[in-house]
Amino acid sequence: MIIPKRQSMVDGLENKIIALYAKEMIINSIEEQIREIYKFDVSTSTISRITESASVS
């Protein structure tokens, strides 16, 4: 998957990660799901950052 210039994440991907995390899915499983569904690699550290920012809000 190609990400457009000056964009770091696919539209809606952060929301999908938060939704999976809300369903009590662990970070490694979220990483696998994103890879399977979107054919896109997201690091576990990125997933952790996204889920932590959602938890703080």
N, C-alpha and C. Protein backbone atom coordinates (compact mmCIF):
# COMPACT_ATOMS: atom_id res chain seq x y z
N MET A 1 0.84 -1.17 0.00
CA MET A 1 0.00 0.00 0.00
C MET A 1 0.89 1.23 0.00
N ILE A 2 0.57 2.20 -0.80
CA ILE A 2 1.34 3.44 -0.88
C ILE A 2 0.63 4.52 -0.09
N ILE A 3 1.38 5.17 0.78
CA ILE A 3 0.84 6.27 1.58
C ILE A 3 1.18 7.58 0.87
N PRO A 4 0.19 8.45 0.67
CA PRO A 4 0.47 9.73 0.01
C PRO A 4 1.50 10.57 0.78
N LYS A 5 2.17 11.44 0.07
CA LYS A 5 3.15 12.33 0.69
C LYS A 5 2.51 13.12 1.83
N ARG A 6 3.33 13.37 2.85
CA ARG A 6 2.93 14.14 4.04
C ARG A 6 1.76 13.52 4.79
N GLN A 7 1.54 12.24 4.59
CA GLN A 7 0.50 11.52 5.33
C GLN A 7 1.15 10.30 5.94
N SER A 8 0.93 10.08 7.22
CA SER A 8 1.61 8.97 7.88
C SER A 8 0.71 7.76 8.12
N MET A 9 -0.56 7.90 7.91
CA MET A 9 -1.46 6.80 8.23
C MET A 9 -2.62 6.80 7.24
N VAL A 10 -3.09 5.64 6.91
CA VAL A 10 -4.24 5.49 6.03
C VAL A 10 -5.48 6.05 6.75
N ASP A 11 -6.33 6.77 6.02
CA ASP A 11 -7.54 7.33 6.62
C ASP A 11 -8.35 6.24 7.32
N GLY A 12 -8.72 6.49 8.56
CA GLY A 12 -9.56 5.57 9.31
C GLY A 12 -8.80 4.44 9.98
N LEU A 13 -7.51 4.29 9.69
CA LEU A 13 -6.75 3.19 10.27
C LEU A 13 -6.60 3.35 11.78
N GLU A 14 -6.37 4.57 12.23
CA GLU A 14 -6.27 4.80 13.68
C GLU A 14 -7.57 4.41 14.37
N ASN A 15 -8.71 4.75 13.78
CA ASN A 15 -10.00 4.39 14.35
C ASN A 15 -10.19 2.88 14.40
N LYS A 16 -9.72 2.19 13.36
CA LYS A 16 -9.81 0.72 13.33
C LYS A 16 -8.95 0.12 14.43
N ILE A 17 -7.75 0.65 14.62
CA ILE A 17 -6.86 0.16 15.67
C ILE A 17 -7.49 0.36 17.04
N ILE A 18 -8.08 1.52 17.27
CA ILE A 18 -8.74 1.80 18.55
C ILE A 18 -9.92 0.87 18.75
N ALA A 19 -10.69 0.62 17.69
CA ALA A 19 -11.84 -0.28 17.79
C ALA A 19 -11.40 -1.70 18.15
N LEU A 20 -10.34 -2.18 17.53
CA LEU A 20 -9.84 -3.52 17.85
C LEU A 20 -9.33 -3.56 19.29
N TYR A 21 -8.66 -2.52 19.72
CA TYR A 21 -8.15 -2.45 21.09
C TYR A 21 -9.31 -2.42 22.09
N ALA A 22 -10.37 -1.72 21.73
CA ALA A 22 -11.55 -1.64 22.61
C ALA A 22 -12.20 -3.01 22.78
N LYS A 23 -12.00 -3.88 21.80
CA LYS A 23 -12.54 -5.24 21.89
C LYS A 23 -11.57 -6.16 22.63
N GLU A 24 -10.62 -5.54 23.33
CA GLU A 24 -9.64 -6.23 24.18
C GLU A 24 -8.69 -7.11 23.38
N MET A 25 -8.43 -6.72 22.14
CA MET A 25 -7.46 -7.44 21.33
C MET A 25 -6.06 -6.95 21.71
N ILE A 26 -5.11 -7.88 21.83
CA ILE A 26 -3.75 -7.48 22.21
C ILE A 26 -3.04 -6.86 21.00
N ILE A 27 -2.01 -6.09 21.29
CA ILE A 27 -1.32 -5.31 20.26
C ILE A 27 -0.76 -6.19 19.14
N ASN A 28 -0.17 -7.32 19.48
CA ASN A 28 0.37 -8.20 18.43
C ASN A 28 -0.74 -8.71 17.51
N SER A 29 -1.90 -8.99 18.06
CA SER A 29 -3.03 -9.44 17.24
C SER A 29 -3.55 -8.32 16.36
N ILE A 30 -3.55 -7.11 16.89
CA ILE A 30 -3.97 -5.95 16.09
C ILE A 30 -3.02 -5.78 14.91
N GLU A 31 -1.73 -5.91 15.16
CA GLU A 31 -0.73 -5.80 14.10
C GLU A 31 -1.00 -6.83 13.00
N GLU A 32 -1.28 -8.06 13.38
CA GLU A 32 -1.57 -9.11 12.41
C GLU A 32 -2.85 -8.82 11.62
N GLN A 33 -3.89 -8.36 12.31
CA GLN A 33 -5.16 -8.04 11.64
C GLN A 33 -4.97 -6.95 10.59
N ILE A 34 -4.26 -5.89 10.95
CA ILE A 34 -4.04 -4.79 10.02
C ILE A 34 -3.26 -5.29 8.80
N ARG A 35 -2.27 -6.12 9.03
CA ARG A 35 -1.48 -6.67 7.93
C ARG A 35 -2.35 -7.52 7.00
N GLU A 36 -3.22 -8.34 7.58
CA GLU A 36 -4.07 -9.22 6.77
C GLU A 36 -5.15 -8.44 6.01
N ILE A 37 -5.78 -7.50 6.68
CA ILE A 37 -6.91 -6.77 6.07
C ILE A 37 -6.43 -5.73 5.07
N TYR A 38 -5.45 -4.90 5.47
CA TYR A 38 -5.05 -3.76 4.66
C TYR A 38 -3.77 -3.99 3.86
N LYS A 39 -3.10 -5.14 4.09
CA LYS A 39 -1.81 -5.40 3.43
C LYS A 39 -0.84 -4.26 3.72
N PHE A 40 -0.80 -3.86 4.99
CA PHE A 40 -0.06 -2.70 5.44
C PHE A 40 0.59 -3.04 6.77
N ASP A 41 1.86 -2.74 6.92
CA ASP A 41 2.55 -3.02 8.18
C ASP A 41 2.51 -1.80 9.10
N VAL A 42 2.09 -2.03 10.31
CA VAL A 42 2.09 -1.00 11.35
C VAL A 42 2.87 -1.60 12.52
N SER A 43 3.86 -0.87 13.01
CA SER A 43 4.69 -1.39 14.09
C SER A 43 3.91 -1.46 15.39
N THR A 44 4.34 -2.35 16.26
CA THR A 44 3.70 -2.46 17.57
C THR A 44 3.86 -1.17 18.36
N SER A 45 4.97 -0.46 18.16
CA SER A 45 5.16 0.81 18.87
C SER A 45 4.15 1.86 18.39
N THR A 46 3.84 1.86 17.11
CA THR A 46 2.83 2.79 16.58
C THR A 46 1.46 2.45 17.13
N ILE A 47 1.14 1.17 17.16
CA ILE A 47 -0.15 0.74 17.72
C ILE A 47 -0.24 1.13 19.19
N SER A 48 0.84 0.93 19.94
CA SER A 48 0.87 1.31 21.36
C SER A 48 0.64 2.81 21.53
N ARG A 49 1.30 3.61 20.68
CA ARG A 49 1.15 5.07 20.77
C ARG A 49 -0.30 5.48 20.50
N ILE A 50 -0.92 4.85 19.51
CA ILE A 50 -2.31 5.18 19.16
C ILE A 50 -3.26 4.78 20.29
N THR A 51 -3.08 3.58 20.84
CA THR A 51 -3.98 3.12 21.89
C THR A 51 -3.76 3.89 23.19
N GLU A 52 -2.53 4.27 23.48
CA GLU A 52 -2.26 5.09 24.68
C GLU A 52 -2.88 6.47 24.56
N SER A 53 -2.80 7.07 23.39
CA SER A 53 -3.38 8.40 23.22
C SER A 53 -4.90 8.34 23.33
N ALA A 54 -5.50 7.23 22.92
CA ALA A 54 -6.95 7.08 23.05
C ALA A 54 -7.33 6.87 24.50
N SER A 55 -6.49 6.18 25.26
CA SER A 55 -6.78 5.91 26.68
C SER A 55 -6.69 7.17 27.51
N VAL A 56 -5.81 8.08 27.14
CA VAL A 56 -5.61 9.32 27.89
C VAL A 56 -6.75 10.29 27.67
N SER A 57 -7.31 10.29 26.46
CA SER A 57 -8.36 11.27 26.11
C SER A 57 -9.60 11.09 26.93
